[in-house]
C-alpha atoms as a PDB file:
ATOM      1  CA  UNK A   1     120.647  80.708 143.397  1.00  0.00           C
ATOM      2  CA  UNK A   2     117.919  83.341 142.975  1.00  0.00           C
ATOM      3  CA  UNK A   3     116.441  83.580 139.497  1.00  0.00           C
ATOM      4  CA  UNK A   4     115.631  87.066 138.201  1.00  0.00           C
ATOM      5  CA  UNK A   5     111.962  87.927 137.740  1.00  0.00           C
ATOM      6  CA  UNK A   6     110.784  87.565 134.130  1.00  0.00           C
ATOM      7  CA  UNK A   7     110.281  91.325 133.770  1.00  0.00           C
ATOM      8  CA  UNK A   8     113.817  92.002 134.990  1.00  0.00           C
ATOM      9  CA  UNK A   9     115.268  89.522 132.475  1.00  0.00           C
ATOM     10  CA  UNK A  10     113.346  91.301 129.699  1.00  0.00           C
ATOM     11  CA  UNK A  11     114.518  94.722 130.883  1.00  0.00           C
ATOM     12  CA  UNK A  12     118.103  93.469 131.036  1.00  0.00           C
ATOM     13  CA  UNK A  13     118.012  92.457 127.354  1.00  0.00           C
ATOM     14  CA  UNK A  14     116.562  95.769 126.195  1.00  0.00           C
ATOM     15  CA  UNK A  15     112.777  95.562 126.522  1.00  0.00           C
ATOM     16  CA  UNK A  16     111.178  98.816 127.697  1.00  0.00           C
ATOM     17  CA  UNK A  17     109.025  98.126 130.750  1.00  0.00           C
ATOM     18  CA  UNK A  18     105.483  99.242 131.600  1.00  0.00           C
ATOM     19  CA  UNK A  19     105.281 102.766 132.903  1.00  0.00           C
ATOM     20  CA  UNK A  20     107.643 104.157 130.271  1.00  0.00           C
ATOM     21  CA  UNK A  21     105.924 106.995 128.353  1.00  0.00           C
ATOM     22  CA  UNK A  22     106.894 105.516 124.947  1.00  0.00           C
ATOM     23  CA  UNK A  23     104.554 102.554 125.578  1.00  0.00           C
ATOM     24  CA  UNK A  24     101.582 104.911 125.963  1.00  0.00           C
ATOM     25  CA  UNK A  25     102.405 107.038 122.915  1.00  0.00           C
ATOM     26  CA  UNK A  26     101.191 106.205 119.384  1.00  0.00           C
ATOM     27  CA  UNK A  27     104.138 105.281 117.165  1.00  0.00           C
ATOM     28  CA  UNK A  28     105.075 107.546 114.261  1.00  0.00           C
ATOM     29  CA  UNK A  29     104.443 105.968 110.846  1.00  0.00           C
ATOM     30  CA  UNK A  30     107.237 105.574 108.330  1.00  0.00           C
ATOM     31  CA  UNK A  31     107.105 107.625 105.137  1.00  0.00           C
ATOM     32  CA  UNK A  32     107.778 104.878 102.626  1.00  0.00           C
ATOM     33  CA  UNK A  33     109.643 104.558 100.363  1.00  0.00           C
ATOM     34  CA  UNK A  34     111.398 107.798 101.454  1.00  0.00           C
ATOM     35  CA  UNK A  35     112.417 106.335 104.840  1.00  0.00           C
ATOM     36  CA  UNK A  36     113.309 102.915 103.469  1.00  0.00           C
ATOM     37  CA  UNK A  37     116.777 102.789 105.058  1.00  0.00           C
ATOM     38  CA  UNK A  38     115.525 103.892 108.506  1.00  0.00           C
ATOM     39  CA  UNK A  39     112.733 101.328 108.236  1.00  0.00           C
ATOM     40  CA  UNK A  40     115.138  98.514 107.373  1.00  0.00           C
ATOM     41  CA  UNK A  41     117.404  99.480 110.278  1.00  0.00           C
ATOM     42  CA  UNK A  42     114.435  99.485 112.668  1.00  0.00           C
ATOM     43  CA  UNK A  43     113.283  96.036 111.494  1.00  0.00           C
ATOM     44  CA  UNK A  44     116.818  94.624 111.781  1.00  0.00           C
ATOM     45  CA  UNK A  45     117.001  96.022 115.318  1.00  0.00           C
ATOM     46  CA  UNK A  46     113.672  94.343 116.186  1.00  0.00           C
ATOM     47  CA  UNK A  47     114.905  90.978 114.905  1.00  0.00           C
ATOM     48  CA  UNK A  48     118.145  91.324 116.888  1.00  0.00           C
ATOM     49  CA  UNK A  49     116.235  92.043 120.098  1.00  0.00           C
ATOM     50  CA  UNK A  50     113.791  89.230 119.331  1.00  0.00           C
ATOM     51  CA  UNK A  51     116.735  86.815 119.080  1.00  0.00           C
ATOM     52  CA  UNK A  52     117.939  87.880 122.529  1.00  0.00           C
ATOM     53  CA  UNK A  53     114.439  87.393 123.943  1.00  0.00           C
ATOM     54  CA  UNK A  54     114.160  83.911 122.414  1.00  0.00           C
ATOM     55  CA  UNK A  55     117.417  82.933 124.139  1.00  0.00           C
ATOM     56  CA  UNK A  56     115.916  83.517 127.597  1.00  0.00           C
ATOM     57  CA  UNK A  57     112.330  82.297 127.061  1.00  0.00           C
ATOM     58  CA  UNK A  58     110.631  79.707 124.841  1.00  0.00           C
ATOM     59  CA  UNK A  59     107.405  80.834 123.149  1.00  0.00           C
ATOM     60  CA  UNK A  60     104.981  78.024 122.296  1.00  0.00           C
ATOM     61  CA  UNK A  61     102.360  80.533 121.166  1.00  0.00           C
ATOM     62  CA  UNK A  62     104.691  82.616 119.023  1.00  0.00           C
ATOM     63  CA  UNK A  63     106.173  85.983 119.876  1.00  0.00           C
ATOM     64  CA  UNK A  64     105.832  89.561 118.790  1.00  0.00           C
ATOM     65  CA  UNK A  65     107.814  92.715 119.358  1.00  0.00           C
ATOM     66  CA  UNK A  66     106.886  96.309 118.556  1.00  0.00           C
ATOM     67  CA  UNK A  67     109.421  99.087 118.049  1.00  0.00           C
ATOM     68  CA  UNK A  68     108.214 101.098 121.091  1.00  0.00           C
ATOM     69  CA  UNK A  69     109.114  98.118 123.289  1.00  0.00           C
ATOM     70  CA  UNK A  70     112.735  98.656 122.224  1.00  0.00           C
ATOM     71  CA  UNK A  71     112.660 102.421 122.746  1.00  0.00           C
ATOM     72  CA  UNK A  72     111.902 103.342 119.140  1.00  0.00           C
ATOM     73  CA  UNK A  73     108.654 105.252 118.655  1.00  0.00           C
ATOM     74  CA  UNK A  74     108.106 104.092 115.091  1.00  0.00           C
ATOM     75  CA  UNK A  75     105.288 102.047 113.539  1.00  0.00           C
ATOM     76  CA  UNK A  76     107.084  98.742 113.018  1.00  0.00           C
ATOM     77  CA  UNK A  77     106.562  95.353 114.614  1.00  0.00           C
ATOM     78  CA  UNK A  78     107.647  91.801 113.967  1.00  0.00           C
ATOM     79  CA  UNK A  79     105.745  88.622 114.770  1.00  0.00           C
ATOM     80  CA  UNK A  80     107.257  85.142 114.904  1.00  0.00           C
ATOM     81  CA  UNK A  81     104.440  82.602 114.453  1.00  0.00           C
ATOM     82  CA  UNK A  82     104.713  79.395 116.465  1.00  0.00           C
ATOM     83  CA  UNK A  83     106.179  76.252 114.983  1.00  0.00           C
ATOM     84  CA  UNK A  84     109.445  75.260 113.384  1.00  0.00           C
ATOM     85  CA  UNK A  85     110.212  76.966 110.103  1.00  0.00           C
ATOM     86  CA  UNK A  86     107.391  79.520 110.402  1.00  0.00           C
ATOM     87  CA  UNK A  87     108.256  82.681 108.492  1.00  0.00           C
ATOM     88  CA  UNK A  88     108.293  85.884 110.552  1.00  0.00           C
ATOM     89  CA  UNK A  89     105.839  88.641 109.744  1.00  0.00           C
ATOM     90  CA  UNK A  90     106.984  92.252 109.418  1.00  0.00           C
ATOM     91  CA  UNK A  91     104.320  94.876 110.056  1.00  0.00           C
ATOM     92  CA  UNK A  92     105.039  98.418 108.849  1.00  0.00           C
ATOM     93  CA  UNK A  93     102.455 101.119 109.533  1.00  0.00           C
ATOM     94  CA  UNK A  94      99.840  98.413 110.216  1.00  0.00           C
ATOM     95  CA  UNK A  95      96.190  99.235 110.648  1.00  0.00           C
ATOM     96  CA  UNK A  96      93.390  96.806 111.487  1.00  0.00           C
ATOM     97  CA  UNK A  97      90.583  97.517 109.036  1.00  0.00           C
ATOM     98  CA  UNK A  98      88.155  94.749 110.008  1.00  0.00           C
ATOM     99  CA  UNK A  99      87.599  92.163 112.694  1.00  0.00           C
ATOM    100  CA  UNK A 100      85.254  89.213 112.863  1.00  0.00           C
ATOM    101  CA  UNK A 101      82.238  89.329 115.145  1.00  0.00           C
ATOM    102  CA  UNK A 102      83.297  85.942 116.464  1.00  0.00           C
ATOM    103  CA  UNK A 103      85.712  86.396 119.366  1.00  0.00           C
ATOM    104  CA  UNK A 104      87.411  84.331 121.998  1.00  0.00           C
ATOM    105  CA  UNK A 105      89.223  85.070 125.228  1.00  0.00           C
ATOM    106  CA  UNK A 106      92.725  83.739 125.853  1.00  0.00           C
ATOM    107  CA  UNK A 107      95.627  84.534 128.148  1.00  0.00           C
ATOM    108  CA  UNK A 108      98.251  86.907 126.841  1.00  0.00           C
ATOM    109  CA  UNK A 109     101.595  87.988 128.176  1.00  0.00           C
ATOM    110  CA  UNK A 110     103.679  91.012 127.297  1.00  0.00           C
ATOM    111  CA  UNK A 111     107.438  91.381 127.260  1.00  0.00           C
ATOM    112  CA  UNK A 112     106.999  94.837 128.795  1.00  0.00           C
ATOM    113  CA  UNK A 113     105.447  93.419 131.986  1.00  0.00           C
ATOM    114  CA  UNK A 114     106.267  89.733 131.811  1.00  0.00           C
ATOM    115  CA  UNK A 115     105.511  88.919 135.466  1.00  0.00           C
ATOM    116  CA  UNK A 116     101.756  88.582 134.795  1.00  0.00           C
ATOM    117  CA  UNK A 117      99.288  87.131 132.286  1.00  0.00           C
ATOM    118  CA  UNK A 118      95.776  88.314 131.539  1.00  0.00           C
ATOM    119  CA  UNK A 119      92.737  87.113 129.609  1.00  0.00           C
ATOM    120  CA  UNK A 120      91.932  89.274 126.619  1.00  0.00           C
ATOM    121  CA  UNK A 121      88.900  88.990 124.324  1.00  0.00           C
ATOM    122  CA  UNK A 122      89.831  89.474 120.663  1.00  0.00           C
ATOM    123  CA  UNK A 123      88.287  88.842 117.228  1.00  0.00           C
ATOM    124  CA  UNK A 124      89.180  85.432 115.799  1.00  0.00           C
ATOM    125  CA  UNK A 125      89.903  86.979 112.396  1.00  0.00           C
ATOM    126  CA  UNK A 126      91.242  90.390 111.428  1.00  0.00           C
ATOM    127  CA  UNK A 127      92.103  92.218 108.235  1.00  0.00           C
ATOM    128  CA  UNK A 128      95.262  94.315 108.376  1.00  0.00           C
ATOM    129  CA  UNK A 129      96.562  96.951 105.980  1.00  0.00           C
ATOM    130  CA  UNK A 130     100.309  97.468 106.110  1.00  0.00           C
ATOM    131  CA  UNK A 131     102.941  99.128 103.974  1.00  0.00           C
ATOM    132  CA  UNK A 132     105.913  97.495 102.293  1.00  0.00           C
ATOM    133  CA  UNK A 133     109.331  99.105 101.857  1.00  0.00           C
ATOM    134  CA  UNK A 134     108.317 100.459  98.445  1.00  0.00           C
ATOM    135  CA  UNK A 135     105.313 102.258  99.952  1.00  0.00           C
ATOM    136  CA  UNK A 136     102.726  99.853  98.549  1.00  0.00           C
ATOM    137  CA  UNK A 137      99.783  98.840 100.704  1.00  0.00           C
ATOM    138  CA  UNK A 138      99.255  95.152 101.408  1.00  0.00           C
ATOM    139  CA  UNK A 139      96.084  93.679 102.887  1.00  0.00           C
ATOM    140  CA  UNK A 140      96.341  90.442 104.879  1.00  0.00           C
ATOM    141  CA  UNK A 141      93.830  88.388 106.846  1.00  0.00           C
ATOM    142  CA  UNK A 142      95.084  86.774 110.060  1.00  0.00           C
ATOM    143  CA  UNK A 143      93.168  84.167 112.031  1.00  0.00           C
ATOM    144  CA  UNK A 144      93.083  82.698 115.524  1.00  0.00           C
ATOM    145  CA  UNK A 145      96.431  82.736 117.357  1.00  0.00           C
ATOM    146  CA  UNK A 146      98.165  84.679 114.602  1.00  0.00           C
ATOM    147  CA  UNK A 147      95.375  87.269 114.675  1.00  0.00           C
ATOM    148  CA  UNK A 148      95.875  87.566 118.444  1.00  0.00           C
ATOM    149  CA  UNK A 149      99.635  88.082 118.075  1.00  0.00           C
ATOM    150  CA  UNK A 150      99.203  90.703 115.355  1.00  0.00           C
ATOM    151  CA  UNK A 151      96.480  92.548 117.285  1.00  0.00           C
ATOM    152  CA  UNK A 152      98.707  92.665 120.370  1.00  0.00           C
ATOM    153  CA  UNK A 153     101.544  94.290 118.385  1.00  0.00           C
ATOM    154  CA  UNK A 154      99.262  96.719 116.534  1.00  0.00           C
ATOM    155  CA  UNK A 155      97.944  97.776 119.945  1.00  0.00           C
ATOM    156  CA  UNK A 156     101.518  98.541 121.041  1.00  0.00           C
ATOM    157  CA  UNK A 157     101.928 100.784 118.012  1.00  0.00           C
ATOM    158  CA  UNK A 158      98.756 102.634 119.047  1.00  0.00           C
ATOM    159  CA  UNK A 159     100.142 103.154 122.555  1.00  0.00           C
ATOM    160  CA  UNK A 160      97.938 100.491 124.188  1.00  0.00           C
ATOM    161  CA  UNK A 161      98.765  97.542 126.412  1.00  0.00           C
ATOM    162  CA  UNK A 162      96.656  94.383 126.501  1.00  0.00           C
ATOM    163  CA  UNK A 163      95.372  95.302 129.959  1.00  0.00           C
ATOM    164  CA  UNK A 164      93.271  98.039 128.303  1.00  0.00           C
ATOM    165  CA  UNK A 165      91.460  95.273 126.359  1.00  0.00           C
ATOM    166  CA  UNK A 166      90.678  93.094 129.367  1.00  0.00           C
ATOM    167  CA  UNK A 167      87.074  92.893 130.556  1.00  0.00           C
ATOM    168  CA  UNK A 168      86.001  95.330 133.265  1.00  0.00           C
ATOM    169  CA  UNK A 169      86.969  93.943 136.638  1.00  0.00           C
ATOM    170  CA  UNK A 170      89.419  91.400 135.199  1.00  0.00           C
ATOM    171  CA  UNK A 171      92.955  91.589 136.535  1.00  0.00           C
ATOM    172  CA  UNK A 172      96.186  90.003 135.341  1.00  0.00           C
ATOM    173  CA  UNK A 173      97.430  87.058 137.392  1.00  0.00           C
ATOM    174  CA  UNK A 174     101.017  86.468 138.546  1.00  0.00           C
ATOM    175  CA  UNK A 175     102.981  84.321 136.115  1.00  0.00           C
ATOM    176  CA  UNK A 176     103.407  81.746 138.906  1.00  0.00           C
ATOM    177  CA  UNK A 177      99.633  81.111 138.787  1.00  0.00           C
ATOM    178  CA  UNK A 178      99.534  80.869 135.014  1.00  0.00           C
ATOM    179  CA  UNK A 179      99.346  77.212 134.006  1.00  0.00           C
ATOM    180  CA  UNK A 180      99.450  77.399 130.200  1.00  0.00           C
ATOM    181  CA  UNK A 181     103.153  78.069 129.737  1.00  0.00           C
ATOM    182  CA  UNK A 182     104.617  76.009 126.930  1.00  0.00           C
ATOM    183  CA  UNK A 183     101.278  75.203 125.296  1.00  0.00           C
ATOM    184  CA  UNK A 184      99.692  76.850 122.259  1.00  0.00           C
ATOM    185  CA  UNK A 185      96.333  78.601 122.468  1.00  0.00           C
ATOM    186  CA  UNK A 186      93.437  76.230 121.921  1.00  0.00           C
ATOM    187  CA  UNK A 187      90.459  76.808 119.676  1.00  0.00           C
ATOM    188  CA  UNK A 188      87.270  74.919 118.939  1.00  0.00           C
ATOM    189  CA  UNK A 189      87.323  73.668 115.372  1.00  0.00           C
END
């Protein structure tokens, strides 16, 4: 029996694949609280797609999904941190306002081109402004792996893929060569 490529499995469950114009287009922010209902529907849609994704692949490092990856050009993303019982994070109109000078470089994958993994340098800590359904601004600091997940999704909302963050000359590797599947990112303490 031939197993479908990871990118094909993602496409088959509704993930927009690399090359689609929506992935290179900045997402339109929600006008909150005016668009509260549309925002809630978008977030519910993201969680439904995320459930389908989790049924075909286990994510030891956590998982994120941005609305453009599901064909919706709106500024919403959800992040499921790793670990049992971890509460999901909903990002509405998120904007990174600060990042630590301390960085690290780890492999990342993307549901929109899941056949490869690439090393991406990112700040170890970020500050993010986002909007809640009532239109209030919230400021949250994310660190290490969670910061990486959030940055990846905020990039999607800006119309960027992680490959644009890779060092000059670095190339993604085929998933078959990637040897960190099923293990969380590691950090020096």
